PDB file of all heavy atoms in Angstrom:
ATOM      1  N   PRO A   1      29.970  -3.739 -20.709  1.00  0.00           N
ATOM      2  CA  PRO A   1      30.011  -2.681 -21.696  1.00  0.00           C
ATOM      3  C   PRO A   1      28.691  -2.442 -22.375  1.00  0.00           C
ATOM      4  O   PRO A   1      28.388  -1.319 -22.863  1.00  0.00           O
ATOM      5  CB  PRO A   1      31.033  -3.098 -22.673  1.00  0.00           C
ATOM      6  CG  PRO A   1      31.829  -4.173 -22.029  1.00  0.00           C
ATOM      7  CD  PRO A   1      30.933  -4.811 -21.015  1.00  0.00           C
ATOM      8  N   ALA A   2      27.847  -3.494 -22.586  1.00  0.00           N
ATOM      9  CA  ALA A   2      26.600  -3.286 -23.406  1.00  0.00           C
ATOM     10  C   ALA A   2      25.632  -4.443 -23.231  1.00  0.00           C
ATOM     11  O   ALA A   2      25.925  -5.460 -22.648  1.00  0.00           O
ATOM     12  CB  ALA A   2      27.010  -3.196 -24.870  1.00  0.00           C
ATOM     13  N   GLY A   3      24.443  -4.226 -23.805  1.00  0.00           N
ATOM     14  CA  GLY A   3      23.449  -5.248 -23.884  1.00  0.00           C
ATOM     15  C   GLY A   3      23.369  -5.690 -25.325  1.00  0.00           C
ATOM     16  O   GLY A   3      23.750  -4.985 -26.274  1.00  0.00           O
ATOM     17  N   GLU A   4      22.846  -6.896 -25.586  1.00  0.00           N
ATOM     18  CA  GLU A   4      22.771  -7.488 -26.885  1.00  0.00           C
ATOM     19  C   GLU A   4      22.182  -6.539 -27.953  1.00  0.00           C
ATOM     20  O   GLU A   4      22.684  -6.442 -29.058  1.00  0.00           O
ATOM     21  CB  GLU A   4      21.967  -8.765 -26.830  1.00  0.00           C
ATOM     22  CG  GLU A   4      21.739  -9.438 -28.182  1.00  0.00           C
ATOM     23  CD  GLU A   4      20.933 -10.720 -28.085  1.00  0.00           C
ATOM     24  OE1 GLU A   4      20.129 -10.820 -27.165  1.00  0.00           O
ATOM     25  OE2 GLU A   4      21.159 -11.570 -28.888  1.00  0.00           O
ATOM     26  N   ASN A   5      21.125  -5.852 -27.586  1.00  0.00           N
ATOM     27  CA  ASN A   5      20.423  -5.021 -28.572  1.00  0.00           C
ATOM     28  C   ASN A   5      21.140  -3.727 -28.938  1.00  0.00           C
ATOM     29  O   ASN A   5      20.718  -3.043 -29.844  1.00  0.00           O
ATOM     30  CB  ASN A   5      18.999  -4.768 -28.121  1.00  0.00           C
ATOM     31  CG  ASN A   5      18.976  -4.219 -26.662  1.00  0.00           C
ATOM     32  OD1 ASN A   5      19.988  -4.232 -25.989  1.00  0.00           O
ATOM     33  ND2 ASN A   5      17.835  -3.822 -26.252  1.00  0.00           N
ATOM     34  N   ILE A   6      22.177  -3.386 -28.274  1.00  0.00           N
ATOM     35  CA  ILE A   6      22.910  -2.131 -28.632  1.00  0.00           C
ATOM     36  C   ILE A   6      24.097  -2.433 -29.510  1.00  0.00           C
ATOM     37  O   ILE A   6      24.663  -1.551 -30.128  1.00  0.00           O
ATOM     38  CB  ILE A   6      23.301  -1.351 -27.347  1.00  0.00           C
ATOM     39  CG1 ILE A   6      23.734   0.096 -27.696  1.00  0.00           C
ATOM     40  CG2 ILE A   6      24.417  -2.006 -26.651  1.00  0.00           C
ATOM     41  CD1 ILE A   6      22.597   0.955 -28.166  1.00  0.00           C
ATOM     42  N   VAL A   7      24.572  -3.643 -29.572  1.00  0.00           N
ATOM     43  CA  VAL A   7      25.789  -3.897 -30.370  1.00  0.00           C
ATOM     44  C   VAL A   7      25.484  -4.503 -31.748  1.00  0.00           C
ATOM     45  O   VAL A   7      26.321  -5.133 -32.329  1.00  0.00           O
ATOM     46  CB  VAL A   7      26.757  -4.819 -29.561  1.00  0.00           C
ATOM     47  CG1 VAL A   7      27.267  -4.086 -28.349  1.00  0.00           C
ATOM     48  CG2 VAL A   7      26.096  -6.139 -29.197  1.00  0.00           C
ATOM     49  N   GLY A   8      24.260  -4.305 -32.249  1.00  0.00           N
ATOM     50  CA  GLY A   8      23.965  -4.718 -33.523  1.00  0.00           C
ATOM     51  C   GLY A   8      23.524  -6.146 -33.708  1.00  0.00           C
ATOM     52  O   GLY A   8      23.331  -6.632 -34.827  1.00  0.00           O
ATOM     53  N   LEU A   9      23.399  -6.865 -32.650  1.00  0.00           N
ATOM     54  CA  LEU A   9      22.935  -8.266 -32.745  1.00  0.00           C
ATOM     55  C   LEU A   9      21.420  -8.305 -32.712  1.00  0.00           C
ATOM     56  O   LEU A   9      20.776  -7.399 -32.173  1.00  0.00           O
ATOM     57  CB  LEU A   9      23.514  -9.067 -31.555  1.00  0.00           C
ATOM     58  CG  LEU A   9      25.006  -9.130 -31.472  1.00  0.00           C
ATOM     59  CD1 LEU A   9      25.376  -9.803 -30.140  1.00  0.00           C
ATOM     60  CD2 LEU A   9      25.582  -9.871 -32.619  1.00  0.00           C
ATOM     61  N   ASN A  10      20.815  -9.344 -33.230  1.00  0.00           N
ATOM     62  CA  ASN A  10      19.352  -9.485 -33.198  1.00  0.00           C
ATOM     63  C   ASN A  10      19.022 -10.025 -31.790  1.00  0.00           C
ATOM     64  O   ASN A  10      19.590 -10.964 -31.334  1.00  0.00           O
ATOM     65  CB  ASN A  10      18.867 -10.414 -34.262  1.00  0.00           C
ATOM     66  CG  ASN A  10      19.042  -9.840 -35.619  1.00  0.00           C
ATOM     67  OD1 ASN A  10      18.915  -8.640 -35.801  1.00  0.00           O
ATOM     68  ND2 ASN A  10      19.284 -10.660 -36.612  1.00  0.00           N
ATOM     69  N   GLY A  11      18.098  -9.386 -31.155  1.00  0.00           N
ATOM     70  CA  GLY A  11      17.663  -9.824 -29.827  1.00  0.00           C
ATOM     71  C   GLY A  11      17.254  -8.650 -28.977  1.00  0.00           C
ATOM     72  O   GLY A  11      17.385  -7.471 -29.428  1.00  0.00           O
ATOM     73  N   LYS A  12      16.668  -8.901 -27.897  1.00  0.00           N
ATOM     74  CA  LYS A  12      16.272  -7.833 -27.021  1.00  0.00           C
ATOM     75  C   LYS A  12      16.453  -8.258 -25.593  1.00  0.00           C
ATOM     76  O   LYS A  12      16.491  -9.436 -25.239  1.00  0.00           O
ATOM     77  CB  LYS A  12      14.831  -7.410 -27.314  1.00  0.00           C
ATOM     78  CG  LYS A  12      13.773  -8.481 -27.059  1.00  0.00           C
ATOM     79  CD  LYS A  12      12.421  -7.963 -27.455  1.00  0.00           C
ATOM     80  CE  LYS A  12      11.345  -9.011 -27.290  1.00  0.00           C
ATOM     81  NZ  LYS A  12      10.031  -8.521 -27.659  1.00  0.00           N
ATOM     82  N   VAL A  13      16.558  -7.258 -24.744  1.00  0.00           N
ATOM     83  CA  VAL A  13      16.594  -7.454 -23.306  1.00  0.00           C
ATOM     84  C   VAL A  13      15.276  -6.960 -22.801  1.00  0.00           C
ATOM     85  O   VAL A  13      14.887  -5.808 -23.027  1.00  0.00           O
ATOM     86  CB  VAL A  13      17.747  -6.683 -22.658  1.00  0.00           C
ATOM     87  CG1 VAL A  13      17.840  -6.916 -21.187  1.00  0.00           C
ATOM     88  CG2 VAL A  13      19.082  -7.006 -23.359  1.00  0.00           C
ATOM     89  N   SER A  14      14.507  -7.818 -22.195  1.00  0.00           N
ATOM     90  CA  SER A  14      13.153  -7.465 -21.788  1.00  0.00           C
ATOM     91  C   SER A  14      12.777  -8.148 -20.492  1.00  0.00           C
ATOM     92  O   SER A  14      13.430  -9.019 -19.993  1.00  0.00           O
ATOM     93  CB  SER A  14      12.139  -7.845 -22.863  1.00  0.00           C
ATOM     94  OG  SER A  14      12.193  -9.194 -23.093  1.00  0.00           O
ATOM     95  N   GLY A  15      11.609  -7.728 -19.929  1.00  0.00           N
ATOM     96  CA  GLY A  15      11.122  -8.335 -18.745  1.00  0.00           C
ATOM     97  C   GLY A  15       9.789  -7.719 -18.355  1.00  0.00           C
ATOM     98  O   GLY A  15       9.037  -7.166 -19.181  1.00  0.00           O
ATOM     99  N   GLU A  16       9.488  -7.837 -17.069  1.00  0.00           N
ATOM    100  CA  GLU A  16       8.203  -7.319 -16.554  1.00  0.00           C
ATOM    101  C   GLU A  16       8.460  -6.758 -15.169  1.00  0.00           C
ATOM    102  O   GLU A  16       9.438  -7.060 -14.505  1.00  0.00           O
ATOM    103  CB  GLU A  16       7.106  -8.340 -16.591  1.00  0.00           C
ATOM    104  CG  GLU A  16       7.469  -9.651 -15.915  1.00  0.00           C
ATOM    105  CD  GLU A  16       6.406 -10.713 -16.162  1.00  0.00           C
ATOM    106  OE1 GLU A  16       5.979 -10.867 -17.342  1.00  0.00           O
ATOM    107  OE2 GLU A  16       5.984 -11.385 -15.212  1.00  0.00           O
ATOM    108  N   GLY A  17       7.493  -5.914 -14.706  1.00  0.00           N
ATOM    109  CA  GLY A  17       7.686  -5.308 -13.443  1.00  0.00           C
ATOM    110  C   GLY A  17       6.345  -4.878 -12.797  1.00  0.00           C
ATOM    111  O   GLY A  17       5.298  -5.025 -13.398  1.00  0.00           O
ATOM    112  N   THR A  18       6.453  -4.368 -11.596  1.00  0.00           N
ATOM    113  CA  THR A  18       5.340  -3.919 -10.815  1.00  0.00           C
ATOM    114  C   THR A  18       5.763  -2.603 -10.090  1.00  0.00           C
ATOM    115  O   THR A  18       6.911  -2.504  -9.696  1.00  0.00           O
ATOM    116  CB  THR A  18       4.958  -4.913  -9.750  1.00  0.00           C
ATOM    117  OG1 THR A  18       4.645  -6.185 -10.402  1.00  0.00           O
ATOM    118  CG2 THR A  18       3.725  -4.517  -8.900  1.00  0.00           C
ATOM    119  N   ILE A  19       4.831  -1.646  -9.998  1.00  0.00           N
ATOM    120  CA  ILE A  19       5.119  -0.408  -9.268  1.00  0.00           C
ATOM    121  C   ILE A  19       3.900  -0.013  -8.463  1.00  0.00           C
ATOM    122  O   ILE A  19       2.754  -0.244  -8.915  1.00  0.00           O
ATOM    123  CB  ILE A  19       5.496   0.726 -10.227  1.00  0.00           C
ATOM    124  CG1 ILE A  19       6.087   1.914  -9.464  1.00  0.00           C
ATOM    125  CG2 ILE A  19       4.410   1.104 -11.190  1.00  0.00           C
ATOM    126  CD1 ILE A  19       6.821   2.914 -10.355  1.00  0.00           C
ATOM    127  N   ARG A  20       4.131   0.472  -7.274  1.00  0.00           N
ATOM    128  CA  ARG A  20       3.054   1.009  -6.409  1.00  0.00           C
ATOM    129  C   ARG A  20       3.517   2.344  -5.920  1.00  0.00           C
ATOM    130  O   ARG A  20       4.685   2.582  -5.587  1.00  0.00           O
ATOM    131  CB  ARG A  20       2.862   0.129  -5.185  1.00  0.00           C
ATOM    132  CG  ARG A  20       2.304  -1.218  -5.441  1.00  0.00           C
ATOM    133  CD  ARG A  20       2.201  -2.002  -4.125  1.00  0.00           C
ATOM    134  NE  ARG A  20       2.097  -3.405  -4.308  1.00  0.00           N
ATOM    135  CZ  ARG A  20       0.947  -4.086  -4.270  1.00  0.00           C
ATOM    136  NH1 ARG A  20      -0.144  -3.455  -3.992  1.00  0.00           N
ATOM    137  NH2 ARG A  20       0.964  -5.409  -4.498  1.00  0.00           N
ATOM    138  N   ARG A  21       2.549   3.293  -5.846  1.00  0.00           N
ATOM    139  CA  ARG A  21       2.888   4.623  -5.255  1.00  0.00           C
ATOM    140  C   ARG A  21       1.961   4.892  -4.066  1.00  0.00           C
ATOM    141  O   ARG A  21       0.924   4.265  -3.932  1.00  0.00           O
ATOM    142  CB  ARG A  21       2.645   5.722  -6.338  1.00  0.00           C
ATOM    143  CG  ARG A  21       3.649   5.590  -7.486  1.00  0.00           C
ATOM    144  CD  ARG A  21       3.476   6.667  -8.476  1.00  0.00           C
ATOM    145  NE  ARG A  21       2.102   6.660  -9.086  1.00  0.00           N
ATOM    146  CZ  ARG A  21       1.550   7.727  -9.606  1.00  0.00           C
ATOM    147  NH1 ARG A  21       2.186   8.867  -9.651  1.00  0.00           N
ATOM    148  NH2 ARG A  21       0.361   7.606 -10.124  1.00  0.00           N
ATOM    149  N   SER A  22       2.395   5.840  -3.261  1.00  0.00           N
ATOM    150  CA  SER A  22       1.670   6.132  -2.011  1.00  0.00           C
ATOM    151  C   SER A  22       0.230   6.648  -2.301  1.00  0.00           C
ATOM    152  O   SER A  22      -0.644   6.477  -1.524  1.00  0.00           O
ATOM    153  CB  SER A  22       2.395   7.157  -1.167  1.00  0.00           C
ATOM    154  OG  SER A  22       2.637   8.399  -1.908  1.00  0.00           O
ATOM    155  N   ILE A  23       0.008   7.262  -3.476  1.00  0.00           N
ATOM    156  CA  ILE A  23      -1.337   7.761  -3.817  1.00  0.00           C
ATOM    157  C   ILE A  23      -2.299   6.703  -4.344  1.00  0.00           C
ATOM    158  O   ILE A  23      -3.462   6.955  -4.495  1.00  0.00           O
ATOM    159  CB  ILE A  23      -1.260   8.987  -4.752  1.00  0.00           C
ATOM    160  CG1 ILE A  23      -0.614   8.550  -6.109  1.00  0.00           C
ATOM    161  CG2 ILE A  23      -0.543  10.168  -4.123  1.00  0.00           C
ATOM    162  CD1 ILE A  23      -0.754   9.583  -7.181  1.00  0.00           C
ATOM    163  N   ASP A  24      -1.723   5.578  -4.700  1.00  0.00           N
ATOM    164  CA  ASP A  24      -2.556   4.473  -5.257  1.00  0.00           C
ATOM    165  C   ASP A  24      -1.933   3.130  -4.840  1.00  0.00           C
ATOM    166  O   ASP A  24      -0.981   2.719  -5.484  1.00  0.00           O
ATOM    167  CB  ASP A  24      -2.625   4.601  -6.746  1.00  0.00           C
ATOM    168  CG  ASP A  24      -3.532   3.523  -7.407  1.00  0.00           C
ATOM    169  OD1 ASP A  24      -4.119   2.701  -6.646  1.00  0.00           O
ATOM    170  OD2 ASP A  24      -3.604   3.464  -8.642  1.00  0.00           O
ATOM    171  N   PRO A  25      -2.443   2.494  -3.809  1.00  0.00           N
ATOM    172  CA  PRO A  25      -1.804   1.271  -3.336  1.00  0.00           C
ATOM    173  C   PRO A  25      -1.902   0.044  -4.269  1.00  0.00           C
ATOM    174  O   PRO A  25      -1.254  -0.929  -4.080  1.00  0.00           O
ATOM    175  CB  PRO A  25      -2.496   0.985  -2.015  1.00  0.00           C
ATOM    176  CG  PRO A  25      -3.788   1.697  -2.116  1.00  0.00           C
ATOM    177  CD  PRO A  25      -3.553   2.876  -2.976  1.00  0.00           C
ATOM    178  N   ALA A  26      -2.773   0.172  -5.323  1.00  0.00           N
ATOM    179  CA  ALA A  26      -2.905  -0.934  -6.256  1.00  0.00           C
ATOM    180  C   ALA A  26      -1.642  -1.072  -7.090  1.00  0.00           C
ATOM    181  O   ALA A  26      -1.059  -0.075  -7.578  1.00  0.00           O
ATOM    182  CB  ALA A  26      -4.087  -0.671  -7.196  1.00  0.00           C
ATOM    183  N   ALA A  27      -1.188  -2.303  -7.218  1.00  0.00           N
ATOM    184  CA  ALA A  27       0.002  -2.567  -8.042  1.00  0.00           C
ATOM    185  C   ALA A  27      -0.318  -2.376  -9.521  1.00  0.00           C
ATOM    186  O   ALA A  27      -1.376  -2.786 -10.017  1.00  0.00           O
ATOM    187  CB  ALA A  27       0.482  -4.001  -7.862  1.00  0.00           C
ATOM    188  N   LYS A  28       0.573  -1.701 -10.238  1.00  0.00           N
ATOM    189  CA  LYS A  28       0.429  -1.517 -11.689  1.00  0.00           C
ATOM    190  C   LYS A  28       1.539  -2.392 -12.331  1.00  0.00           C
ATOM    191  O   LYS A  28       2.709  -2.330 -11.951  1.00  0.00           O
ATOM    192  CB  LYS A  28       0.725  -0.034 -12.095  1.00  0.00           C
ATOM    193  CG  LYS A  28      -0.167   0.960 -11.385  1.00  0.00           C
ATOM    194  CD  LYS A  28      -1.579   0.904 -11.922  1.00  0.00           C
ATOM    195  CE  LYS A  28      -2.337   2.003 -11.257  1.00  0.00           C
ATOM    196  NZ  LYS A  28      -3.735   1.875 -11.446  1.00  0.00           N
TER     197      LYS A  28
END
């Protein structure tokens, strides 16, 4: 139904990622 940060609790849902597109093969 929800993540911690939407139901009024203190906390966050977070992370990291990488994306590449055909016009720029370098990972962002």
